[in-house]
N, C-alpha and C. Protein backbone atom coordinates (compact mmCIF):
# COMPACT_ATOMS: atom_id res chain seq x y z
N UNK A 1 0.89 -1.30 0.32
CA UNK A 1 -0.04 0.19 0.13
C UNK A 1 1.22 1.37 0.06
N UNK A 2 0.69 1.92 -0.91
CA UNK A 2 1.54 3.36 -1.09
C UNK A 2 0.42 4.41 -1.47
N UNK A 3 0.27 5.24 -0.50
CA UNK A 3 -0.98 6.03 -1.01
C UNK A 3 -0.59 7.41 -0.19
N UNK A 4 -1.15 8.56 -0.93
CA UNK A 4 -0.96 9.81 -0.15
C UNK A 4 -2.89 10.06 0.40
N UNK A 5 -2.85 10.83 1.56
CA UNK A 5 -4.16 10.87 2.00
C UNK A 5 -4.27 12.63 1.77
N UNK A 6 -5.13 12.91 1.76
CA UNK A 6 -5.40 14.18 1.65
C UNK A 6 -6.59 14.74 2.90
N UNK A 7 -6.22 15.46 3.86
CA UNK A 7 -6.92 16.13 5.15
C UNK A 7 -7.47 17.37 4.67
N UNK A 8 -7.73 17.81 3.45
CA UNK A 8 -9.07 18.49 2.78
C UNK A 8 -10.07 17.91 2.52
N UNK A 9 -11.37 18.02 2.59
CA UNK A 9 -12.49 17.57 1.85
C UNK A 9 -13.76 18.83 1.91
N UNK A 10 -14.43 19.02 0.84
CA UNK A 10 -15.70 20.17 1.08
C UNK A 10 -16.14 19.68 1.98
N UNK A 11 -16.98 18.30 2.17
CA UNK A 11 -17.75 18.33 3.07
C UNK A 11 -17.46 17.42 4.15
N UNK A 12 -16.47 16.46 4.24
CA UNK A 12 -16.15 15.46 5.48
C UNK A 12 -15.07 16.40 6.34
N UNK A 13 -15.65 16.42 7.65
CA UNK A 13 -14.97 17.51 8.30
C UNK A 13 -13.68 16.01 8.52
N UNK A 14 -12.38 17.09 9.32
CA UNK A 14 -11.21 16.73 9.02
C UNK A 14 -11.17 15.12 10.15
N UNK A 15 -11.49 15.23 11.40
CA UNK A 15 -11.81 14.56 12.55
C UNK A 15 -12.47 12.79 11.90
N UNK A 16 -13.30 13.00 11.14
CA UNK A 16 -13.83 12.06 10.52
C UNK A 16 -13.10 11.45 9.40
N UNK A 17 -12.32 12.33 8.45
CA UNK A 17 -11.51 11.64 7.72
C UNK A 17 -10.29 10.81 8.10
N UNK A 18 -9.70 11.34 9.06
CA UNK A 18 -8.49 10.77 9.95
C UNK A 18 -8.91 8.85 10.49
N UNK A 19 -10.50 9.46 11.10
CA UNK A 19 -10.96 7.82 11.35
C UNK A 19 -10.83 7.14 10.34
N UNK A 20 -11.54 7.68 9.23
CA UNK A 20 -11.58 6.86 7.98
C UNK A 20 -10.23 6.38 7.77
N UNK A 21 -9.22 7.15 7.66
CA UNK A 21 -7.86 6.85 6.96
C UNK A 21 -7.23 5.58 8.16
N UNK A 22 -7.83 5.97 9.23
CA UNK A 22 -6.94 5.17 10.57
C UNK A 22 -7.84 3.78 9.80
N UNK A 23 -8.99 3.15 9.92
CA UNK A 23 -9.76 2.32 9.44
C UNK A 23 -9.25 1.57 8.46
N UNK A 24 -8.95 2.70 7.08
CA UNK A 24 -8.17 1.69 6.24
C UNK A 24 -6.84 1.37 6.53
N UNK A 25 -6.29 1.64 6.97
CA UNK A 25 -4.75 1.68 7.31
C UNK A 25 -4.72 0.20 8.31
N UNK A 26 -6.05 0.10 9.34
CA UNK A 26 -6.07 -1.10 9.74
C UNK A 26 -6.58 -2.55 9.35
N UNK A 27 -7.65 -2.15 7.89
CA UNK A 27 -8.32 -3.11 6.93
C UNK A 27 -6.93 -3.84 6.66
N UNK A 28 -6.25 -3.01 5.78
CA UNK A 28 -5.06 -3.61 4.99
C UNK A 28 -4.42 -4.44 6.02
N UNK A 29 -4.08 -3.79 6.97
CA UNK A 29 -2.74 -4.85 7.83
C UNK A 29 -3.85 -5.93 8.00
N UNK A 30 -5.14 -5.98 8.46
CA UNK A 30 -5.63 -7.26 8.50
C UNK A 30 -5.85 -7.97 7.49
N UNK A 31 -6.24 -7.27 6.32
CA UNK A 31 -6.12 -8.20 5.09
C UNK A 31 -5.08 -8.81 4.63
N UNK A 32 -3.46 -8.46 5.15
CA UNK A 32 -2.60 -9.01 4.38
C UNK A 32 -1.92 -9.98 5.81
N UNK A 33 -2.47 -9.69 7.04
CA UNK A 33 -1.94 -10.94 7.69
C UNK A 33 -2.82 -12.19 7.86
N UNK A 34 -4.18 -11.88 6.82
CA UNK A 34 -4.84 -13.21 6.67
C UNK A 34 -4.08 -14.17 5.76
N UNK A 35 -3.13 -13.87 4.93
CA UNK A 35 -3.15 -13.80 3.70
C UNK A 35 -1.92 -15.56 4.31
N UNK A 36 -2.07 -16.26 3.53
CA UNK A 36 -1.23 -17.53 4.00
C UNK A 36 0.26 -17.15 3.74
N UNK A 37 0.79 -18.13 4.84
CA UNK A 37 2.34 -17.47 4.78
C UNK A 37 3.13 -18.45 4.03
N UNK A 38 4.02 -18.31 3.45
CA UNK A 38 4.90 -19.01 3.00
C UNK A 38 5.62 -19.84 3.71
N UNK A 39 6.07 -21.14 3.18
CA UNK A 39 6.84 -22.35 3.83
C UNK A 39 8.06 -21.54 4.80
N UNK A 40 8.27 -22.06 5.88
CA UNK A 40 9.47 -21.32 6.63
C UNK A 40 9.09 -19.89 7.29
N UNK A 41 8.22 -19.36 7.15
CA UNK A 41 7.94 -17.89 7.52
C UNK A 41 6.85 -17.88 8.89
N UNK A 42 7.45 -17.16 9.70
CA UNK A 42 6.80 -17.39 11.11
C UNK A 42 5.66 -16.43 11.32
N UNK A 43 5.78 -15.40 10.37
CA UNK A 43 4.35 -14.35 10.03
C UNK A 43 4.98 -13.15 9.74
N UNK A 44 3.76 -12.58 9.21
CA UNK A 44 4.03 -11.35 7.96
C UNK A 44 4.42 -10.12 8.91
N UNK A 45 5.84 -9.67 8.61
CA UNK A 45 6.67 -8.28 9.18
C UNK A 45 6.03 -7.23 8.01
N UNK A 46 6.10 -6.03 8.69
CA UNK A 46 5.76 -4.97 7.59
C UNK A 46 7.19 -3.42 7.36
N UNK A 47 7.00 -3.47 6.49
CA UNK A 47 7.91 -1.94 6.61
C UNK A 47 7.41 -1.03 5.79
N UNK A 48 7.27 0.09 6.84
CA UNK A 48 6.48 1.41 6.99
C UNK A 48 6.89 2.41 6.89
N UNK A 49 6.88 3.64 6.06
CA UNK A 49 6.89 4.81 5.78
C UNK A 49 5.94 5.88 6.26
N UNK A 50 6.33 6.82 6.81
CA UNK A 50 5.14 7.92 6.50
C UNK A 50 6.16 9.41 6.57
N UNK A 51 5.33 10.24 5.95
CA UNK A 51 5.76 11.53 5.92
C UNK A 51 4.55 12.49 5.46
N UNK A 52 5.09 13.91 4.96
CA UNK A 52 4.34 14.78 4.67
C UNK A 52 4.31 14.57 2.93
N UNK A 53 5.39 13.80 2.38
CA UNK A 53 5.19 13.33 1.02
C UNK A 53 6.35 12.31 0.74
N UNK A 54 5.85 11.56 -0.61
CA UNK A 54 6.65 10.23 -0.52
C UNK A 54 8.30 10.36 -0.56
N UNK A 55 8.82 11.88 -0.96
CA UNK A 55 10.55 12.04 -0.84
C UNK A 55 10.51 12.18 0.45
N UNK A 56 9.90 12.89 1.32
CA UNK A 56 10.31 13.24 2.94
C UNK A 56 10.09 11.80 3.79
N UNK A 57 9.19 10.76 3.31
CA UNK A 57 8.70 9.83 3.98
C UNK A 57 9.94 9.54 4.88
N UNK A 58 9.94 9.04 6.28
CA UNK A 58 10.77 7.75 6.84
C UNK A 58 10.23 6.97 7.49
N UNK A 59 11.21 6.25 7.73
CA UNK A 59 10.67 4.76 8.11
C UNK A 59 10.41 4.81 9.84
N UNK A 60 9.01 4.22 9.77
CA UNK A 60 8.38 4.19 11.22
C UNK A 60 7.63 2.95 11.21
N UNK A 61 7.68 2.32 12.61
CA UNK A 61 7.24 1.10 13.12
C UNK A 61 6.02 1.04 12.80
N UNK A 62 5.06 -0.35 12.73
CA UNK A 62 3.89 -0.36 12.17
C UNK A 62 2.96 0.16 13.18
N UNK A 63 3.50 -0.25 14.42
CA UNK A 63 2.82 0.61 15.77
C UNK A 63 2.49 1.60 16.02
N UNK A 64 3.63 2.50 15.11
CA UNK A 64 3.56 3.94 15.16
C UNK A 64 2.83 4.32 14.41
N UNK A 65 2.37 4.01 13.24
CA UNK A 65 1.57 4.64 12.45
C UNK A 65 0.30 5.44 12.48
N UNK A 66 -0.84 5.09 13.52
CA UNK A 66 -1.41 5.89 14.31
C UNK A 66 -1.28 7.04 14.82
N UNK A 67 -0.33 7.17 15.64
CA UNK A 67 0.59 8.11 16.32
C UNK A 67 1.13 9.18 15.22
N UNK A 68 1.36 8.56 14.19
CA UNK A 68 2.11 9.70 12.77
C UNK A 68 0.78 10.44 12.43
N UNK A 69 -0.10 9.47 12.26
CA UNK A 69 -1.32 10.17 11.93
C UNK A 69 -2.19 11.22 12.57
N UNK A 70 -1.73 11.10 13.45
CA UNK A 70 -2.39 12.15 14.90
C UNK A 70 -1.20 13.27 14.75
N UNK A 71 0.33 13.20 14.65
CA UNK A 71 0.68 14.19 14.98
C UNK A 71 0.61 15.02 13.07
N UNK A 72 0.15 14.24 12.21
CA UNK A 72 0.25 15.19 11.12
C UNK A 72 -1.42 15.72 11.27
N UNK A 73 -2.11 15.50 11.80
CA UNK A 73 -2.96 16.37 12.22
C UNK A 73 -2.72 17.57 13.13
N UNK A 74 -1.80 17.55 14.14
CA UNK A 74 -1.14 18.37 14.75
C UNK A 74 -0.54 19.13 14.04
N UNK A 75 0.14 18.98 12.90
CA UNK A 75 1.00 19.77 12.47
C UNK A 75 0.34 20.58 11.63
N UNK A 76 -1.08 20.34 11.04
CA UNK A 76 -2.14 20.79 10.33
C UNK A 76 -1.48 20.45 8.86
N UNK A 77 -1.35 19.80 8.67
CA UNK A 77 -0.86 19.32 6.87
C UNK A 77 -2.42 18.76 6.20
N UNK A 78 -1.83 19.21 5.18
CA UNK A 78 -2.73 19.19 3.94
C UNK A 78 -2.87 17.87 3.64
N UNK A 79 -1.90 17.16 3.36
CA UNK A 79 -1.72 15.59 3.06
C UNK A 79 -0.54 15.04 3.92
N UNK A 80 -1.01 13.61 3.74
CA UNK A 80 0.33 12.81 3.76
C UNK A 80 0.34 11.51 3.24
N UNK A 81 1.62 10.94 2.84
CA UNK A 81 1.80 9.94 2.55
C UNK A 81 2.06 8.66 3.49
N UNK A 82 1.41 7.62 3.47
CA UNK A 82 1.61 6.40 3.93
C UNK A 82 2.53 5.03 3.30
N UNK A 83 3.24 4.25 3.52
CA UNK A 83 3.52 2.96 2.86
C UNK A 83 3.95 1.78 3.84
N UNK A 84 3.04 0.73 3.31
CA UNK A 84 3.43 -0.42 4.43
C UNK A 84 3.03 -1.54 3.26
N UNK A 85 4.47 -2.25 3.37
CA UNK A 85 4.65 -3.11 2.53
C UNK A 85 4.82 -4.61 3.31
N UNK A 86 4.24 -5.78 3.09
CA UNK A 86 4.29 -6.65 3.51
C UNK A 86 5.50 -7.41 3.51
N UNK A 87 6.22 -8.05 4.26
CA UNK A 87 7.77 -8.71 3.92
C UNK A 87 7.32 -10.15 4.73
N UNK A 88 8.01 -11.27 4.76
CA UNK A 88 8.34 -12.62 5.67
C UNK A 88 8.86 -12.05 6.59
N UNK A 89 8.21 -12.76 7.93
CA UNK A 89 8.78 -12.60 9.02
C UNK A 89 9.61 -13.79 9.87
N UNK A 90 10.98 -13.72 10.36
CA UNK A 90 11.12 -15.22 11.06
C UNK A 90 11.49 -14.81 12.80
N UNK A 91 11.32 -15.26 13.92
CA UNK A 91 11.35 -15.10 14.93
C UNK A 91 12.85 -15.64 15.25
N UNK A 92 13.37 -14.71 15.95
CA UNK A 92 14.90 -15.03 16.46
C UNK A 92 14.52 -16.50 18.05
N UNK A 93 15.27 -17.43 17.81
CA UNK A 93 15.36 -18.47 19.00
C UNK A 93 16.08 -17.62 20.15
N UNK A 94 15.15 -17.09 21.48
CA UNK A 94 15.75 -16.64 21.94
C UNK A 94 16.17 -17.59 23.47
N UNK A 95 17.49 -17.91 23.13
CA UNK A 95 18.03 -19.09 24.50
C UNK A 95 19.53 -18.51 24.59
């Protein structure tokens, strides 16, 4: 998922747009996690980027996307870029 979201809409208020965007992100993550795991893979991991534009996007953890959306709202940005790419994850044996 590589998408630029706009926080400006003529009829929809900003808090409702933010809720819609967060729902869209969570829905995408759930859909990707439901996919069948390849052989030898423990879980789906995600590479995530967030920023005001695609060129200025910085790497963030998947758990910080919601906080990043809130910070974009606090900074009063007109739009922001979100990139979430699924990748195979492997657990490390901790002994």
